[in-house]
Amino acid sequence: MATNALPAGSRGGNPAPRFRPPPGLHSRPKPAGRMIEKDEDDTMKTLYEVAREQGPLLTIIEEGHDGGCGLLTFSGTQPLRFVASWGMGWEHVSVSLPNRCPTWEEMHFVKRAWWRGGETVIQYHPAETEYVNYHPFCLHLWRPIGQEVPTPPAWMVGPPEKPTPATRKPT
């Protein structure tokens, strides 16, 4: 049963949810899963946080002790299918469509839905001997839990943006 639910009295003083959560969604003990509200701001968002921010754009199909799956609607395209998890030392979201790979803009939308702006996540291109491909149109975002993700300096990625009339400092 698909639902778009937030627990009553959830963080942020939101009113009661518009939809009823599936049985057991908010009755799990804290160690069992991340669906419960949490205090850390340096981890992947919970399903509740994503649902609160995305509202009707998110449809929860199923939830588990370390994640869930559903549909996330992006700007007029067909809904993105996702599986989100946070177990075994990794935060992870897979994103797929039935007939094509997600675009960069769609993956960026998913990254912003599940992680905060200052967090770095990775899309791996592993050694060919390590390839796993269960779905031809599925991409993955990863983040190791409790570890800083190394990134190159911005100047190695590309030159800074050229000033525009709006951002140019007066001389």
C-alpha atoms as a PDB file:
ATOM      1  CA  MET A   1       0.000   0.000   0.000  1.00  0.00           C
ATOM      2  CA  ALA A   2       1.524   3.308  -1.067  1.00  0.00           C
ATOM      3  CA  THR A   3       1.364   6.177   1.390  1.00  0.00           C
ATOM      4  CA  ASN A   4       2.766   9.606   1.940  1.00  0.00           C
ATOM      5  CA  ALA A   5       3.074   9.766   5.690  1.00  0.00           C
ATOM      6  CA  LEU A   6       4.635  11.677   8.529  1.00  0.00           C
ATOM      7  CA  PRO A   7       4.198  10.700  12.161  1.00  0.00           C
ATOM      8  CA  ALA A   8       1.873  12.888  14.203  1.00  0.00           C
ATOM      9  CA  GLY A   9       3.837  15.327  16.337  1.00  0.00           C
ATOM     10  CA  SER A  10       6.970  14.963  14.227  1.00  0.00           C
ATOM     11  CA  ARG A  11       9.845  17.436  14.557  1.00  0.00           C
ATOM     12  CA  GLY A  12       9.046  20.892  13.246  1.00  0.00           C
ATOM     13  CA  GLY A  13       5.544  21.255  14.695  1.00  0.00           C
ATOM     14  CA  ASN A  14       3.846  20.052  11.531  1.00  0.00           C
ATOM     15  CA  PRO A  15       0.118  19.318  11.748  1.00  0.00           C
ATOM     16  CA  ALA A  16      -1.129  15.740  11.673  1.00  0.00           C
ATOM     17  CA  PRO A  17      -0.214  13.871   8.475  1.00  0.00           C
ATOM     18  CA  ARG A  18      -2.586  13.874   5.522  1.00  0.00           C
ATOM     19  CA  PHE A  19      -2.220  10.116   5.129  1.00  0.00           C
ATOM     20  CA  ARG A  20      -2.014   7.305   7.661  1.00  0.00           C
ATOM     21  CA  PRO A  21       1.396   5.618   7.950  1.00  0.00           C
ATOM     22  CA  PRO A  22       1.623   1.903   7.238  1.00  0.00           C
ATOM     23  CA  PRO A  23       1.404  -0.282  10.362  1.00  0.00           C
ATOM     24  CA  GLY A  24       4.605  -0.244  12.386  1.00  0.00           C
ATOM     25  CA  LEU A  25       6.201   2.680  10.542  1.00  0.00           C
ATOM     26  CA  HIS A  26       6.807   4.730  13.680  1.00  0.00           C
ATOM     27  CA  SER A  27       6.800   1.989  16.302  1.00  0.00           C
ATOM     28  CA  ARG A  28      10.357   0.742  15.742  1.00  0.00           C
ATOM     29  CA  PRO A  29      12.898   1.092  18.539  1.00  0.00           C
ATOM     30  CA  LYS A  30      15.725   3.553  17.768  1.00  0.00           C
ATOM     31  CA  PRO A  31      18.496   0.980  17.141  1.00  0.00           C
ATOM     32  CA  ALA A  32      16.382  -0.899  14.593  1.00  0.00           C
ATOM     33  CA  GLY A  33      16.240   1.739  11.922  1.00  0.00           C
ATOM     34  CA  ARG A  34      16.578   5.297  10.707  1.00  0.00           C
ATOM     35  CA  MET A  35      12.907   5.943   9.940  1.00  0.00           C
ATOM     36  CA  ILE A  36      12.620   7.402  13.431  1.00  0.00           C
ATOM     37  CA  GLU A  37      13.391  11.036  14.063  1.00  0.00           C
ATOM     38  CA  LYS A  38      17.062  11.545  14.872  1.00  0.00           C
ATOM     39  CA  ASP A  39      19.233  14.301  16.208  1.00  0.00           C
ATOM     40  CA  GLU A  40      22.278  14.003  13.944  1.00  0.00           C
ATOM     41  CA  ASP A  41      22.563  16.570  11.169  1.00  0.00           C
ATOM     42  CA  ASP A  42      25.497  14.877   9.431  1.00  0.00           C
ATOM     43  CA  THR A  43      23.659  11.780   8.238  1.00  0.00           C
ATOM     44  CA  MET A  44      21.306  10.988   5.417  1.00  0.00           C
ATOM     45  CA  LYS A  45      17.791  12.330   5.916  1.00  0.00           C
ATOM     46  CA  THR A  46      15.183   9.955   7.289  1.00  0.00           C
ATOM     47  CA  LEU A  47      12.200   8.893   5.233  1.00  0.00           C
ATOM     48  CA  TYR A  48      10.124  11.220   7.433  1.00  0.00           C
ATOM     49  CA  GLU A  49      12.350  14.202   6.645  1.00  0.00           C
ATOM     50  CA  VAL A  50      12.203  13.518   2.901  1.00  0.00           C
ATOM     51  CA  ALA A  51       8.415  13.075   3.091  1.00  0.00           C
ATOM     52  CA  ARG A  52       8.025  16.311   5.057  1.00  0.00           C
ATOM     53  CA  GLU A  53      10.130  18.269   2.532  1.00  0.00           C
ATOM     54  CA  GLN A  54       8.849  16.672  -0.669  1.00  0.00           C
ATOM     55  CA  GLY A  55       5.184  16.318   0.354  1.00  0.00           C
ATOM     56  CA  PRO A  56       3.049  14.982  -2.486  1.00  0.00           C
ATOM     57  CA  LEU A  57       6.132  14.476  -4.704  1.00  0.00           C
ATOM     58  CA  LEU A  58       7.060  11.419  -2.581  1.00  0.00           C
ATOM     59  CA  THR A  59       5.144   8.150  -2.500  1.00  0.00           C
ATOM     60  CA  ILE A  60       6.367   5.592   0.026  1.00  0.00           C
ATOM     61  CA  ILE A  61       5.743   2.058  -1.211  1.00  0.00           C
ATOM     62  CA  GLU A  62       7.535   0.078   1.472  1.00  0.00           C
ATOM     63  CA  GLU A  63       9.721   0.711   4.471  1.00  0.00           C
ATOM     64  CA  GLY A  64      12.182  -1.539   6.254  1.00  0.00           C
ATOM     65  CA  HIS A  65      14.462  -1.464   9.266  1.00  0.00           C
ATOM     66  CA  ASP A  66      17.206   0.380   7.367  1.00  0.00           C
ATOM     67  CA  GLY A  67      15.445   2.145   4.524  1.00  0.00           C
ATOM     68  CA  GLY A  68      12.541   2.156   2.170  1.00  0.00           C
ATOM     69  CA  CYS A  69      11.470   2.397  -1.429  1.00  0.00           C
ATOM     70  CA  GLY A  70       9.022   4.426  -3.414  1.00  0.00           C
ATOM     71  CA  LEU A  71       8.539   7.033  -6.093  1.00  0.00           C
ATOM     72  CA  LEU A  72       9.830  10.599  -6.203  1.00  0.00           C
ATOM     73  CA  THR A  73       8.390  12.971  -8.813  1.00  0.00           C
ATOM     74  CA  PHE A  74      10.794  15.371 -10.519  1.00  0.00           C
ATOM     75  CA  SER A  75       9.626  18.362 -12.543  1.00  0.00           C
ATOM     76  CA  GLY A  76       7.120  16.829 -14.934  1.00  0.00           C
ATOM     77  CA  THR A  77       9.039  13.641 -15.745  1.00  0.00           C
ATOM     78  CA  GLN A  78       7.843  10.150 -14.981  1.00  0.00           C
ATOM     79  CA  PRO A  79       8.347   9.336 -11.284  1.00  0.00           C
ATOM     80  CA  LEU A  80      11.835   8.242 -10.275  1.00  0.00           C
ATOM     81  CA  ARG A  81      11.886   4.875  -8.544  1.00  0.00           C
ATOM     82  CA  PHE A  82      14.150   4.837  -5.502  1.00  0.00           C
ATOM     83  CA  VAL A  83      15.488   2.453  -2.916  1.00  0.00           C
ATOM     84  CA  ALA A  84      17.123   4.166   0.066  1.00  0.00           C
ATOM     85  CA  SER A  85      19.144   2.427   2.760  1.00  0.00           C
ATOM     86  CA  TRP A  86      21.594   3.214   5.543  1.00  0.00           C
ATOM     87  CA  GLY A  87      23.134   0.007   6.742  1.00  0.00           C
ATOM     88  CA  MET A  88      26.445  -1.853   6.822  1.00  0.00           C
ATOM     89  CA  GLY A  89      28.470   1.370   6.942  1.00  0.00           C
ATOM     90  CA  TRP A  90      26.919   3.041   3.891  1.00  0.00           C
ATOM     91  CA  GLU A  91      24.136   5.476   3.056  1.00  0.00           C
ATOM     92  CA  HIS A  92      22.745   4.630  -0.368  1.00  0.00           C
ATOM     93  CA  VAL A  93      19.995   5.623  -2.802  1.00  0.00           C
ATOM     94  CA  SER A  94      19.431   3.831  -6.088  1.00  0.00           C
ATOM     95  CA  VAL A  95      17.389   5.659  -8.708  1.00  0.00           C
ATOM     96  CA  SER A  96      15.826   4.123 -11.801  1.00  0.00           C
ATOM     97  CA  LEU A  97      13.387   4.692 -14.610  1.00  0.00           C
ATOM     98  CA  PRO A  98      11.774   1.992 -16.762  1.00  0.00           C
ATOM     99  CA  ASN A  99      13.192   3.104 -20.125  1.00  0.00           C
ATOM    100  CA  ARG A 100      16.239   5.351 -19.585  1.00  0.00           C
ATOM    101  CA  CYS A 101      18.917   6.297 -17.066  1.00  0.00           C
ATOM    102  CA  PRO A 102      18.229   9.267 -14.796  1.00  0.00           C
ATOM    103  CA  THR A 103      19.721  12.565 -15.976  1.00  0.00           C
ATOM    104  CA  TRP A 104      22.252  14.613 -14.013  1.00  0.00           C
ATOM    105  CA  GLU A 105      19.448  17.010 -13.009  1.00  0.00           C
ATOM    106  CA  GLU A 106      17.320  14.114 -11.720  1.00  0.00           C
ATOM    107  CA  MET A 107      20.233  12.647  -9.736  1.00  0.00           C
ATOM    108  CA  HIS A 108      20.965  16.103  -8.302  1.00  0.00           C
ATOM    109  CA  PHE A 109      17.295  16.383  -7.257  1.00  0.00           C
ATOM    110  CA  VAL A 110      17.545  12.997  -5.499  1.00  0.00           C
ATOM    111  CA  LYS A 111      20.826  13.989  -3.827  1.00  0.00           C
ATOM    112  CA  ARG A 112      19.201  17.149  -2.463  1.00  0.00           C
ATOM    113  CA  ALA A 113      16.107  15.209  -1.359  1.00  0.00           C
ATOM    114  CA  TRP A 114      18.118  12.676   0.695  1.00  0.00           C
ATOM    115  CA  TRP A 115      21.189  14.637   1.816  1.00  0.00           C
ATOM    116  CA  ARG A 116      21.816  18.153   3.033  1.00  0.00           C
ATOM    117  CA  GLY A 117      23.561  20.679   0.789  1.00  0.00           C
ATOM    118  CA  GLY A 118      26.957  20.493   2.489  1.00  0.00           C
ATOM    119  CA  GLU A 119      27.235  16.713   2.228  1.00  0.00           C
ATOM    120  CA  THR A 120      29.244  14.971  -0.486  1.00  0.00           C
ATOM    121  CA  VAL A 121      27.915  11.776  -2.034  1.00  0.00           C
ATOM    122  CA  ILE A 122      29.529   9.591  -4.669  1.00  0.00           C
ATOM    123  CA  GLN A 123      28.464   7.916  -7.891  1.00  0.00           C
ATOM    124  CA  TYR A 124      31.042   5.172  -8.357  1.00  0.00           C
ATOM    125  CA  HIS A 125      32.469   3.848 -11.594  1.00  0.00           C
ATOM    126  CA  PRO A 126      34.172   0.689 -10.287  1.00  0.00           C
ATOM    127  CA  ALA A 127      36.742  -1.553 -11.916  1.00  0.00           C
ATOM    128  CA  GLU A 128      35.103  -3.588 -14.682  1.00  0.00           C
ATOM    129  CA  THR A 129      35.730  -6.781 -12.712  1.00  0.00           C
ATOM    130  CA  GLU A 130      33.486  -5.332  -9.962  1.00  0.00           C
ATOM    131  CA  TYR A 131      30.509  -4.397 -12.180  1.00  0.00           C
ATOM    132  CA  VAL A 132      27.041  -5.350 -10.946  1.00  0.00           C
ATOM    133  CA  ASN A 133      24.116  -4.497 -13.199  1.00  0.00           C
ATOM    134  CA  TYR A 134      20.670  -5.761 -12.226  1.00  0.00           C
ATOM    135  CA  HIS A 135      18.818  -2.956 -14.012  1.00  0.00           C
ATOM    136  CA  PRO A 136      20.040  -1.221 -17.196  1.00  0.00           C
ATOM    137  CA  PHE A 137      18.556   2.155 -16.204  1.00  0.00           C
ATOM    138  CA  CYS A 138      19.571   2.395 -12.536  1.00  0.00           C
ATOM    139  CA  LEU A 139      22.170   4.729 -10.979  1.00  0.00           C
ATOM    140  CA  HIS A 140      23.393   4.854  -7.376  1.00  0.00           C
ATOM    141  CA  LEU A 141      24.476   7.510  -4.888  1.00  0.00           C
ATOM    142  CA  TRP A 142      26.703   6.434  -1.972  1.00  0.00           C
ATOM    143  CA  ARG A 143      28.144   7.970   1.183  1.00  0.00           C
ATOM    144  CA  PRO A 144      30.228   6.137   3.785  1.00  0.00           C
ATOM    145  CA  ILE A 145      28.852   6.547   7.306  1.00  0.00           C
ATOM    146  CA  GLY A 146      31.183   8.271   9.763  1.00  0.00           C
ATOM    147  CA  GLN A 147      33.907   9.038   7.222  1.00  0.00           C
ATOM    148  CA  GLU A 148      34.867  12.221   5.445  1.00  0.00           C
ATOM    149  CA  VAL A 149      34.581  11.867   1.672  1.00  0.00           C
ATOM    150  CA  PRO A 150      37.740  13.202  -0.001  1.00  0.00           C
ATOM    151  CA  THR A 151      37.204  15.623  -2.864  1.00  0.00           C
ATOM    152  CA  PRO A 152      39.649  17.419  -5.149  1.00  0.00           C
ATOM    153  CA  PRO A 153      40.140  21.165  -4.760  1.00  0.00           C
ATOM    154  CA  ALA A 154      37.545  23.173  -6.688  1.00  0.00           C
ATOM    155  CA  TRP A 155      40.214  24.719  -8.935  1.00  0.00           C
ATOM    156  CA  MET A 156      41.067  21.230 -10.260  1.00  0.00           C
ATOM    157  CA  VAL A 157      37.446  20.617 -11.250  1.00  0.00           C
ATOM    158  CA  GLY A 158      37.061  23.793 -13.266  1.00  0.00           C
ATOM    159  CA  PRO A 159      37.677  27.515 -13.293  1.00  0.00           C
ATOM    160  CA  PRO A 160      35.533  29.670 -11.027  1.00  0.00           C
ATOM    161  CA  GLU A 161      32.399  31.100 -12.555  1.00  0.00           C
ATOM    162  CA  LYS A 162      32.908  34.196 -14.647  1.00  0.00           C
ATOM    163  CA  PRO A 163      31.387  37.248 -13.000  1.00  0.00           C
ATOM    164  CA  THR A 164      28.080  38.347 -14.449  1.00  0.00           C
ATOM    165  CA  PRO A 165      26.756  41.903 -14.268  1.00  0.00           C
ATOM    166  CA  ALA A 166      24.746  40.838 -11.223  1.00  0.00           C
ATOM    167  CA  THR A 167      27.755  39.379  -9.361  1.00  0.00           C
ATOM    168  CA  ARG A 168      30.505  41.750 -10.580  1.00  0.00           C
ATOM    169  CA  LYS A 169      31.928  43.982  -7.852  1.00  0.00           C
ATOM    170  CA  PRO A 170      31.937  47.704  -8.632  1.00  0.00           C
ATOM    171  CA  THR A 171      35.375  49.181  -9.325  1.00  0.00           C
END
